[in-house]
N, C-alpha and C. Protein backbone atom coordinates (compact mmCIF):
# COMPACT_ATOMS: atom_id res chain seq x y z
N UNK A 1 0.84 -1.19 0.00
CA UNK A 1 0.00 0.00 0.00
C UNK A 1 0.88 1.25 0.00
N UNK A 2 0.43 2.27 -0.70
CA UNK A 2 1.17 3.53 -0.77
C UNK A 2 1.32 4.14 0.61
N UNK A 3 2.17 5.14 0.68
CA UNK A 3 2.42 5.82 1.94
C UNK A 3 1.26 6.78 2.24
N UNK A 4 0.37 6.37 3.10
CA UNK A 4 -0.81 7.16 3.45
C UNK A 4 -0.50 7.97 4.70
N UNK A 5 -0.79 9.25 4.64
CA UNK A 5 -0.60 10.14 5.78
C UNK A 5 -1.97 10.63 6.24
N UNK A 6 -2.23 10.54 7.53
CA UNK A 6 -3.43 11.14 8.11
C UNK A 6 -2.94 12.35 8.89
N UNK A 7 -3.50 13.50 8.55
CA UNK A 7 -3.06 14.75 9.18
C UNK A 7 -4.23 15.70 9.31
N UNK A 8 -4.02 16.75 10.09
CA UNK A 8 -5.04 17.79 10.20
C UNK A 8 -5.15 18.51 8.86
N UNK A 9 -6.36 18.80 8.47
CA UNK A 9 -6.57 19.56 7.24
C UNK A 9 -6.04 20.97 7.42
N UNK A 10 -5.59 21.54 6.31
CA UNK A 10 -5.05 22.89 6.30
C UNK A 10 -5.83 23.73 5.29
N UNK A 11 -5.68 25.03 5.40
CA UNK A 11 -6.38 25.95 4.50
C UNK A 11 -6.16 25.57 3.04
N UNK A 12 -4.96 25.22 2.67
CA UNK A 12 -4.62 24.89 1.28
C UNK A 12 -5.39 23.66 0.78
N UNK A 13 -5.98 22.89 1.67
CA UNK A 13 -6.69 21.66 1.29
C UNK A 13 -8.14 21.91 0.89
N UNK A 14 -8.64 23.11 1.09
CA UNK A 14 -10.08 23.34 0.96
C UNK A 14 -10.65 22.94 -0.40
N UNK A 15 -9.99 23.26 -1.49
CA UNK A 15 -10.54 22.91 -2.80
C UNK A 15 -10.60 21.40 -2.98
N UNK A 16 -9.56 20.68 -2.54
CA UNK A 16 -9.59 19.22 -2.63
C UNK A 16 -10.68 18.64 -1.72
N UNK A 17 -10.83 19.21 -0.54
CA UNK A 17 -11.89 18.74 0.36
C UNK A 17 -13.27 18.94 -0.27
N UNK A 18 -13.48 20.08 -0.89
CA UNK A 18 -14.77 20.34 -1.54
C UNK A 18 -15.02 19.39 -2.69
N UNK A 19 -13.98 19.00 -3.41
CA UNK A 19 -14.15 17.99 -4.46
C UNK A 19 -14.69 16.68 -3.86
N UNK A 20 -14.14 16.31 -2.71
CA UNK A 20 -14.61 15.09 -2.04
C UNK A 20 -16.01 15.27 -1.48
N UNK A 21 -16.35 16.47 -1.01
CA UNK A 21 -17.71 16.73 -0.54
C UNK A 21 -18.69 16.53 -1.70
N UNK A 22 -18.31 17.01 -2.87
CA UNK A 22 -19.18 16.83 -4.05
C UNK A 22 -19.29 15.35 -4.41
N UNK A 23 -18.19 14.61 -4.29
CA UNK A 23 -18.24 13.17 -4.55
C UNK A 23 -19.19 12.48 -3.57
N UNK A 24 -19.14 12.90 -2.32
CA UNK A 24 -20.05 12.35 -1.32
C UNK A 24 -21.51 12.67 -1.67
N UNK A 25 -21.76 13.88 -2.11
CA UNK A 25 -23.13 14.28 -2.47
C UNK A 25 -23.65 13.42 -3.63
N UNK A 26 -22.81 13.12 -4.59
CA UNK A 26 -23.21 12.25 -5.70
C UNK A 26 -23.53 10.86 -5.16
N UNK A 27 -22.66 10.34 -4.29
CA UNK A 27 -22.88 9.02 -3.69
C UNK A 27 -24.21 8.99 -2.93
N UNK A 28 -24.51 10.08 -2.23
CA UNK A 28 -25.73 10.14 -1.43
C UNK A 28 -26.95 10.59 -2.25
N UNK A 29 -26.80 10.60 -3.56
CA UNK A 29 -27.90 10.89 -4.49
C UNK A 29 -28.46 12.30 -4.31
N UNK A 30 -27.57 13.24 -4.02
CA UNK A 30 -27.98 14.64 -3.84
C UNK A 30 -26.92 15.57 -4.43
N UNK A 31 -26.55 15.37 -5.70
CA UNK A 31 -25.43 16.14 -6.26
C UNK A 31 -25.66 17.64 -6.33
N UNK A 32 -26.91 18.08 -6.36
CA UNK A 32 -27.19 19.52 -6.46
C UNK A 32 -27.36 20.20 -5.11
N UNK A 33 -27.18 19.45 -4.04
CA UNK A 33 -27.38 20.01 -2.70
C UNK A 33 -26.15 20.73 -2.16
N UNK A 34 -24.99 20.54 -2.75
CA UNK A 34 -23.78 21.23 -2.29
C UNK A 34 -23.80 22.65 -2.86
N UNK A 35 -24.11 23.61 -2.01
CA UNK A 35 -24.20 25.01 -2.45
C UNK A 35 -23.18 25.90 -1.75
N UNK A 36 -22.41 25.35 -0.85
CA UNK A 36 -21.41 26.15 -0.15
C UNK A 36 -20.35 26.63 -1.15
N UNK A 37 -19.96 27.88 -1.02
CA UNK A 37 -18.92 28.42 -1.90
C UNK A 37 -17.55 28.06 -1.34
N UNK A 38 -16.55 27.99 -2.21
CA UNK A 38 -15.19 27.73 -1.70
C UNK A 38 -14.75 28.78 -0.68
N UNK A 39 -15.14 30.02 -0.89
CA UNK A 39 -14.75 31.10 0.03
C UNK A 39 -15.38 30.89 1.41
N UNK A 40 -16.66 30.56 1.43
CA UNK A 40 -17.35 30.33 2.71
C UNK A 40 -16.77 29.10 3.41
N UNK A 41 -16.54 28.05 2.65
CA UNK A 41 -15.97 26.83 3.21
C UNK A 41 -14.62 27.12 3.87
N UNK A 42 -13.77 27.83 3.16
CA UNK A 42 -12.45 28.16 3.69
C UNK A 42 -12.53 29.06 4.91
N UNK A 43 -13.35 30.10 4.84
CA UNK A 43 -13.48 31.04 5.96
C UNK A 43 -14.02 30.35 7.21
N UNK A 44 -15.01 29.47 7.06
CA UNK A 44 -15.60 28.83 8.24
C UNK A 44 -14.71 27.75 8.83
N UNK A 45 -13.74 27.31 8.08
CA UNK A 45 -12.80 26.32 8.60
C UNK A 45 -11.48 26.91 9.07
N UNK A 46 -11.08 28.03 8.45
CA UNK A 46 -9.75 28.56 8.73
C UNK A 46 -9.72 30.06 8.95
N UNK A 47 -10.87 30.66 9.10
CA UNK A 47 -10.93 32.09 9.37
C UNK A 47 -10.71 32.40 10.84
N UNK A 48 -11.11 33.58 11.23
CA UNK A 48 -10.90 34.05 12.61
C UNK A 48 -11.64 33.19 13.64
N UNK A 49 -12.83 32.71 13.29
CA UNK A 49 -13.63 31.90 14.21
C UNK A 49 -14.06 30.60 13.53
N UNK A 50 -13.16 29.64 13.41
CA UNK A 50 -13.52 28.40 12.71
C UNK A 50 -14.64 27.66 13.43
N UNK A 51 -15.50 27.05 12.63
CA UNK A 51 -16.61 26.27 13.18
C UNK A 51 -16.48 24.79 12.85
N UNK A 52 -15.52 24.44 12.00
CA UNK A 52 -15.28 23.03 11.69
C UNK A 52 -13.79 22.75 11.64
N UNK A 53 -13.48 21.47 11.84
CA UNK A 53 -12.11 20.97 11.78
C UNK A 53 -12.13 19.66 11.01
N UNK A 54 -11.00 19.28 10.47
CA UNK A 54 -11.00 18.05 9.67
C UNK A 54 -9.64 17.37 9.72
N UNK A 55 -9.68 16.08 9.44
CA UNK A 55 -8.48 15.29 9.19
C UNK A 55 -8.51 14.90 7.73
N UNK A 56 -7.33 14.87 7.12
CA UNK A 56 -7.22 14.49 5.72
C UNK A 56 -6.35 13.26 5.60
N UNK A 57 -6.75 12.38 4.70
CA UNK A 57 -5.92 11.23 4.32
C UNK A 57 -5.28 11.59 2.99
N UNK A 58 -3.96 11.52 2.95
CA UNK A 58 -3.23 12.00 1.79
C UNK A 58 -2.24 10.96 1.28
N UNK A 59 -2.14 10.88 -0.03
CA UNK A 59 -1.14 10.03 -0.69
C UNK A 59 -0.50 10.86 -1.79
N UNK A 60 0.80 11.00 -1.74
CA UNK A 60 1.55 11.73 -2.78
C UNK A 60 0.96 13.12 -3.06
N UNK A 61 0.58 13.84 -2.00
CA UNK A 61 0.08 15.20 -2.14
C UNK A 61 -1.39 15.30 -2.53
N UNK A 62 -2.06 14.18 -2.73
CA UNK A 62 -3.48 14.19 -3.11
C UNK A 62 -4.31 13.70 -1.93
N UNK A 63 -5.34 14.45 -1.60
CA UNK A 63 -6.24 14.06 -0.52
C UNK A 63 -7.21 13.01 -1.08
N UNK A 64 -7.22 11.85 -0.43
CA UNK A 64 -8.05 10.73 -0.89
C UNK A 64 -9.18 10.42 0.09
N UNK A 65 -9.23 11.15 1.18
CA UNK A 65 -10.28 10.95 2.17
C UNK A 65 -10.22 12.04 3.22
N UNK A 66 -11.32 12.20 3.92
CA UNK A 66 -11.35 13.20 4.99
C UNK A 66 -12.44 12.86 5.99
N UNK A 67 -12.30 13.45 7.15
CA UNK A 67 -13.33 13.39 8.20
C UNK A 67 -13.45 14.80 8.75
N UNK A 68 -14.63 15.38 8.65
CA UNK A 68 -14.87 16.76 9.07
C UNK A 68 -15.85 16.76 10.24
N UNK A 69 -15.51 17.50 11.27
CA UNK A 69 -16.37 17.54 12.46
C UNK A 69 -16.51 18.95 13.00
N UNK A 70 -17.47 19.11 13.88
CA UNK A 70 -17.63 20.34 14.64
C UNK A 70 -18.07 19.96 16.05
N UNK A 71 -18.19 20.96 16.90
CA UNK A 71 -18.59 20.72 18.29
C UNK A 71 -20.10 20.87 18.39
N UNK A 72 -20.73 19.87 18.96
CA UNK A 72 -22.16 19.87 19.23
C UNK A 72 -22.32 19.99 20.74
N UNK A 73 -23.30 20.73 21.15
CA UNK A 73 -23.53 20.86 22.59
C UNK A 73 -24.88 20.27 22.97
N UNK A 74 -24.88 19.38 23.94
CA UNK A 74 -26.10 18.79 24.47
C UNK A 74 -26.31 19.33 25.88
N UNK A 75 -27.49 19.86 26.12
CA UNK A 75 -27.77 20.36 27.47
C UNK A 75 -27.82 19.21 28.46
N UNK A 76 -27.98 18.00 27.98
CA UNK A 76 -28.00 16.84 28.86
C UNK A 76 -26.61 16.24 29.06
N UNK A 77 -25.77 16.30 28.03
CA UNK A 77 -24.49 15.58 28.06
C UNK A 77 -23.26 16.46 27.95
N UNK A 78 -23.41 17.73 27.57
CA UNK A 78 -22.27 18.62 27.40
C UNK A 78 -21.74 18.57 25.98
N UNK A 79 -20.50 19.02 25.81
CA UNK A 79 -19.88 19.11 24.49
C UNK A 79 -19.57 17.71 23.95
N UNK A 80 -19.80 17.56 22.66
CA UNK A 80 -19.53 16.30 21.96
C UNK A 80 -18.99 16.64 20.58
N UNK A 81 -18.33 15.70 19.99
CA UNK A 81 -17.92 15.85 18.60
C UNK A 81 -19.09 15.44 17.72
N UNK A 82 -19.34 16.23 16.68
CA UNK A 82 -20.33 15.85 15.69
C UNK A 82 -19.60 15.61 14.37
N UNK A 83 -19.63 14.39 13.91
CA UNK A 83 -19.00 14.03 12.64
C UNK A 83 -19.96 14.41 11.52
N UNK A 84 -19.60 15.43 10.77
CA UNK A 84 -20.46 15.87 9.67
C UNK A 84 -20.29 14.97 8.45
N UNK A 85 -19.04 14.72 8.08
CA UNK A 85 -18.78 13.88 6.91
C UNK A 85 -17.50 13.09 7.09
N UNK A 86 -17.54 11.86 6.62
CA UNK A 86 -16.33 11.05 6.49
C UNK A 86 -16.44 10.38 5.12
N UNK A 87 -15.38 10.48 4.36
CA UNK A 87 -15.40 9.93 3.01
C UNK A 87 -14.01 9.49 2.61
N UNK A 88 -13.95 8.35 1.97
CA UNK A 88 -12.75 7.91 1.28
C UNK A 88 -13.15 7.79 -0.18
N UNK A 89 -12.38 8.41 -1.06
CA UNK A 89 -12.72 8.39 -2.47
C UNK A 89 -12.83 6.94 -2.96
N UNK A 90 -13.72 6.73 -3.91
CA UNK A 90 -14.12 5.37 -4.29
C UNK A 90 -12.95 4.44 -4.60
N UNK A 91 -11.95 4.93 -5.31
CA UNK A 91 -10.84 4.05 -5.70
C UNK A 91 -9.95 3.64 -4.53
N UNK A 92 -10.11 4.29 -3.38
CA UNK A 92 -9.29 3.97 -2.21
C UNK A 92 -10.07 3.26 -1.11
N UNK A 93 -11.34 2.99 -1.35
CA UNK A 93 -12.15 2.32 -0.32
C UNK A 93 -11.70 0.88 -0.13
N UNK A 94 -11.93 0.35 1.07
CA UNK A 94 -11.59 -1.03 1.37
C UNK A 94 -10.13 -1.25 1.71
N UNK A 95 -9.39 -0.17 1.93
CA UNK A 95 -7.96 -0.28 2.24
C UNK A 95 -7.63 0.16 3.68
N UNK A 96 -8.68 0.35 4.50
CA UNK A 96 -8.45 0.70 5.90
C UNK A 96 -8.30 2.18 6.18
N UNK A 97 -8.50 3.02 5.17
CA UNK A 97 -8.33 4.46 5.35
C UNK A 97 -9.44 5.05 6.20
N UNK A 98 -10.67 4.59 6.00
CA UNK A 98 -11.78 5.05 6.83
C UNK A 98 -11.52 4.76 8.29
N UNK A 99 -10.97 3.60 8.56
CA UNK A 99 -10.65 3.22 9.93
C UNK A 99 -9.58 4.15 10.51
N UNK A 100 -8.57 4.47 9.72
CA UNK A 100 -7.53 5.39 10.19
C UNK A 100 -8.13 6.76 10.53
N UNK A 101 -9.01 7.25 9.66
CA UNK A 101 -9.65 8.54 9.91
C UNK A 101 -10.55 8.49 11.14
N UNK A 102 -11.35 7.44 11.24
CA UNK A 102 -12.28 7.33 12.37
C UNK A 102 -11.51 7.20 13.69
N UNK A 103 -10.43 6.45 13.67
CA UNK A 103 -9.62 6.32 14.88
C UNK A 103 -9.00 7.66 15.28
N UNK A 104 -8.64 8.49 14.30
CA UNK A 104 -8.14 9.84 14.60
C UNK A 104 -9.22 10.66 15.29
N UNK A 105 -10.45 10.53 14.82
CA UNK A 105 -11.56 11.25 15.45
C UNK A 105 -11.74 10.82 16.90
N UNK A 106 -11.67 9.52 17.12
CA UNK A 106 -11.82 9.00 18.48
C UNK A 106 -10.74 9.57 19.39
N UNK A 107 -9.51 9.57 18.91
CA UNK A 107 -8.40 10.11 19.71
C UNK A 107 -8.57 11.60 19.97
N UNK A 108 -9.00 12.34 18.96
CA UNK A 108 -9.25 13.77 19.10
C UNK A 108 -10.32 14.03 20.16
N UNK A 109 -11.41 13.28 20.10
CA UNK A 109 -12.48 13.44 21.09
C UNK A 109 -11.97 13.15 22.49
N UNK A 110 -11.18 12.11 22.63
CA UNK A 110 -10.62 11.78 23.95
C UNK A 110 -9.72 12.90 24.45
N UNK A 111 -8.84 13.41 23.58
CA UNK A 111 -7.92 14.48 23.96
C UNK A 111 -8.66 15.74 24.38
N UNK A 112 -9.78 16.04 23.73
CA UNK A 112 -10.56 17.24 24.05
C UNK A 112 -11.48 17.04 25.26
N UNK A 113 -11.57 15.80 25.73
CA UNK A 113 -12.41 15.52 26.89
C UNK A 113 -13.88 15.35 26.55
N UNK A 114 -14.18 15.17 25.27
CA UNK A 114 -15.57 14.94 24.88
C UNK A 114 -15.91 13.49 25.12
N UNK A 115 -17.10 13.24 25.60
CA UNK A 115 -17.49 11.89 25.98
C UNK A 115 -18.01 11.05 24.82
N UNK A 116 -18.38 11.69 23.72
CA UNK A 116 -19.01 10.93 22.64
C UNK A 116 -18.82 11.61 21.30
N UNK A 117 -19.05 10.84 20.26
CA UNK A 117 -19.10 11.32 18.89
C UNK A 117 -20.50 10.98 18.37
N UNK A 118 -21.13 11.94 17.74
CA UNK A 118 -22.45 11.72 17.14
C UNK A 118 -22.36 11.96 15.64
N UNK A 119 -23.24 11.32 14.89
CA UNK A 119 -23.31 11.52 13.45
C UNK A 119 -24.61 10.93 12.93
N UNK A 120 -24.86 11.12 11.65
CA UNK A 120 -26.01 10.54 10.99
C UNK A 120 -25.51 9.66 9.86
N UNK A 121 -26.30 8.68 9.51
CA UNK A 121 -26.00 7.83 8.36
C UNK A 121 -27.32 7.54 7.66
N UNK A 122 -27.29 7.59 6.34
CA UNK A 122 -28.50 7.30 5.58
C UNK A 122 -28.90 5.84 5.77
N UNK A 123 -30.19 5.58 5.93
CA UNK A 123 -30.65 4.23 6.24
C UNK A 123 -30.32 3.21 5.16
N UNK A 124 -30.10 3.66 3.92
CA UNK A 124 -29.79 2.73 2.83
C UNK A 124 -28.29 2.51 2.65
N UNK A 125 -27.48 3.25 3.39
CA UNK A 125 -26.03 3.18 3.21
C UNK A 125 -25.43 2.01 4.01
N UNK A 126 -25.68 0.81 3.53
CA UNK A 126 -25.24 -0.41 4.22
C UNK A 126 -23.73 -0.47 4.45
N UNK A 127 -22.89 -0.07 3.47
CA UNK A 127 -21.45 -0.11 3.76
C UNK A 127 -21.06 0.75 4.96
N UNK A 128 -21.64 1.94 5.05
CA UNK A 128 -21.34 2.82 6.18
C UNK A 128 -21.89 2.26 7.48
N UNK A 129 -23.11 1.77 7.44
CA UNK A 129 -23.72 1.18 8.64
C UNK A 129 -22.88 0.02 9.14
N UNK A 130 -22.44 -0.83 8.25
CA UNK A 130 -21.61 -1.97 8.65
C UNK A 130 -20.27 -1.50 9.21
N UNK A 131 -19.71 -0.44 8.64
CA UNK A 131 -18.46 0.13 9.16
C UNK A 131 -18.67 0.58 10.60
N UNK A 132 -19.75 1.32 10.86
CA UNK A 132 -20.01 1.83 12.21
C UNK A 132 -20.33 0.71 13.20
N UNK A 133 -20.95 -0.33 12.72
CA UNK A 133 -21.25 -1.46 13.59
C UNK A 133 -19.98 -2.10 14.13
N UNK A 134 -18.90 -2.04 13.37
CA UNK A 134 -17.61 -2.58 13.85
C UNK A 134 -17.12 -1.84 15.08
N UNK A 135 -17.59 -0.62 15.27
CA UNK A 135 -17.23 0.19 16.44
C UNK A 135 -18.28 0.07 17.54
N UNK A 136 -19.23 -0.80 17.38
CA UNK A 136 -20.33 -0.96 18.33
C UNK A 136 -21.13 0.33 18.51
N UNK A 137 -21.29 1.07 17.42
CA UNK A 137 -22.08 2.30 17.47
C UNK A 137 -23.54 1.95 17.73
N UNK A 138 -24.24 2.85 18.40
CA UNK A 138 -25.67 2.65 18.59
C UNK A 138 -26.43 3.46 17.55
N UNK A 139 -27.55 2.93 17.10
CA UNK A 139 -28.38 3.56 16.08
C UNK A 139 -29.72 3.90 16.72
N UNK A 140 -30.17 5.13 16.55
CA UNK A 140 -31.37 5.61 17.22
C UNK A 140 -32.46 5.93 16.21
N UNK A 141 -33.46 5.06 16.07
CA UNK A 141 -34.51 5.31 15.09
C UNK A 141 -35.60 6.28 15.58
N UNK A 142 -35.51 6.74 16.82
CA UNK A 142 -36.55 7.59 17.40
C UNK A 142 -36.57 9.01 16.86
N UNK A 143 -35.41 9.56 16.55
CA UNK A 143 -35.32 10.98 16.24
C UNK A 143 -35.58 11.25 14.76
N UNK A 144 -36.26 12.34 14.49
CA UNK A 144 -36.54 12.79 13.13
C UNK A 144 -35.65 14.00 12.83
N UNK A 145 -35.00 13.99 11.69
CA UNK A 145 -34.17 15.13 11.29
C UNK A 145 -35.05 16.30 10.89
N UNK A 146 -34.67 17.49 11.33
CA UNK A 146 -35.41 18.70 10.99
C UNK A 146 -34.42 19.78 10.55
N UNK A 147 -34.88 20.66 9.68
CA UNK A 147 -34.08 21.83 9.34
C UNK A 147 -35.02 22.94 8.89
N UNK A 148 -34.55 24.16 8.94
CA UNK A 148 -35.32 25.33 8.56
C UNK A 148 -34.40 26.29 7.84
N UNK A 149 -34.72 26.65 6.63
CA UNK A 149 -33.94 27.63 5.87
C UNK A 149 -34.36 29.01 6.38
N UNK A 150 -33.39 29.78 6.85
CA UNK A 150 -33.70 31.11 7.39
C UNK A 150 -33.13 32.24 6.54
N UNK A 151 -32.24 31.92 5.63
CA UNK A 151 -31.63 32.93 4.79
C UNK A 151 -31.29 32.31 3.45
N UNK A 152 -32.14 32.50 2.48
CA UNK A 152 -31.85 31.92 1.17
C UNK A 152 -31.20 32.96 0.28
N UNK A 153 -30.23 32.52 -0.49
CA UNK A 153 -29.54 33.43 -1.41
C UNK A 153 -30.18 33.31 -2.78
N UNK A 154 -30.31 34.42 -3.46
CA UNK A 154 -30.93 34.43 -4.79
C UNK A 154 -30.01 33.88 -5.83
């Protein structure tokens, strides 16, 4: 296997990360849902007040996977890591890279003193569900996802 490096994402990675975000959107059958601009993505990750952080899996200068998270706050449980996206590009899947990224997230959460990691997975995404089951993740069918658009751009 090639020399895979797992490292913290940097500002210079934003365009490659967005390419992978678009790949994920295609996989999740929502290719037109990615509307974030590169400028907004970069500013919210590396500006004065970042709201997300990420780990990148890299081979020979090319990012082949990433895991992006932010801090979620539960009034019942306190601060937790929220895994927004984890993706390994299709040609690199099945080589243990997702596990390397997920293990980095676990270590990061432990170092920050967060008690848990939360995320969502589409009910039809069997490969992802099976991946999470290897970690003994719990799945909660009780909650319904909600969102409200409060500022639409023309």
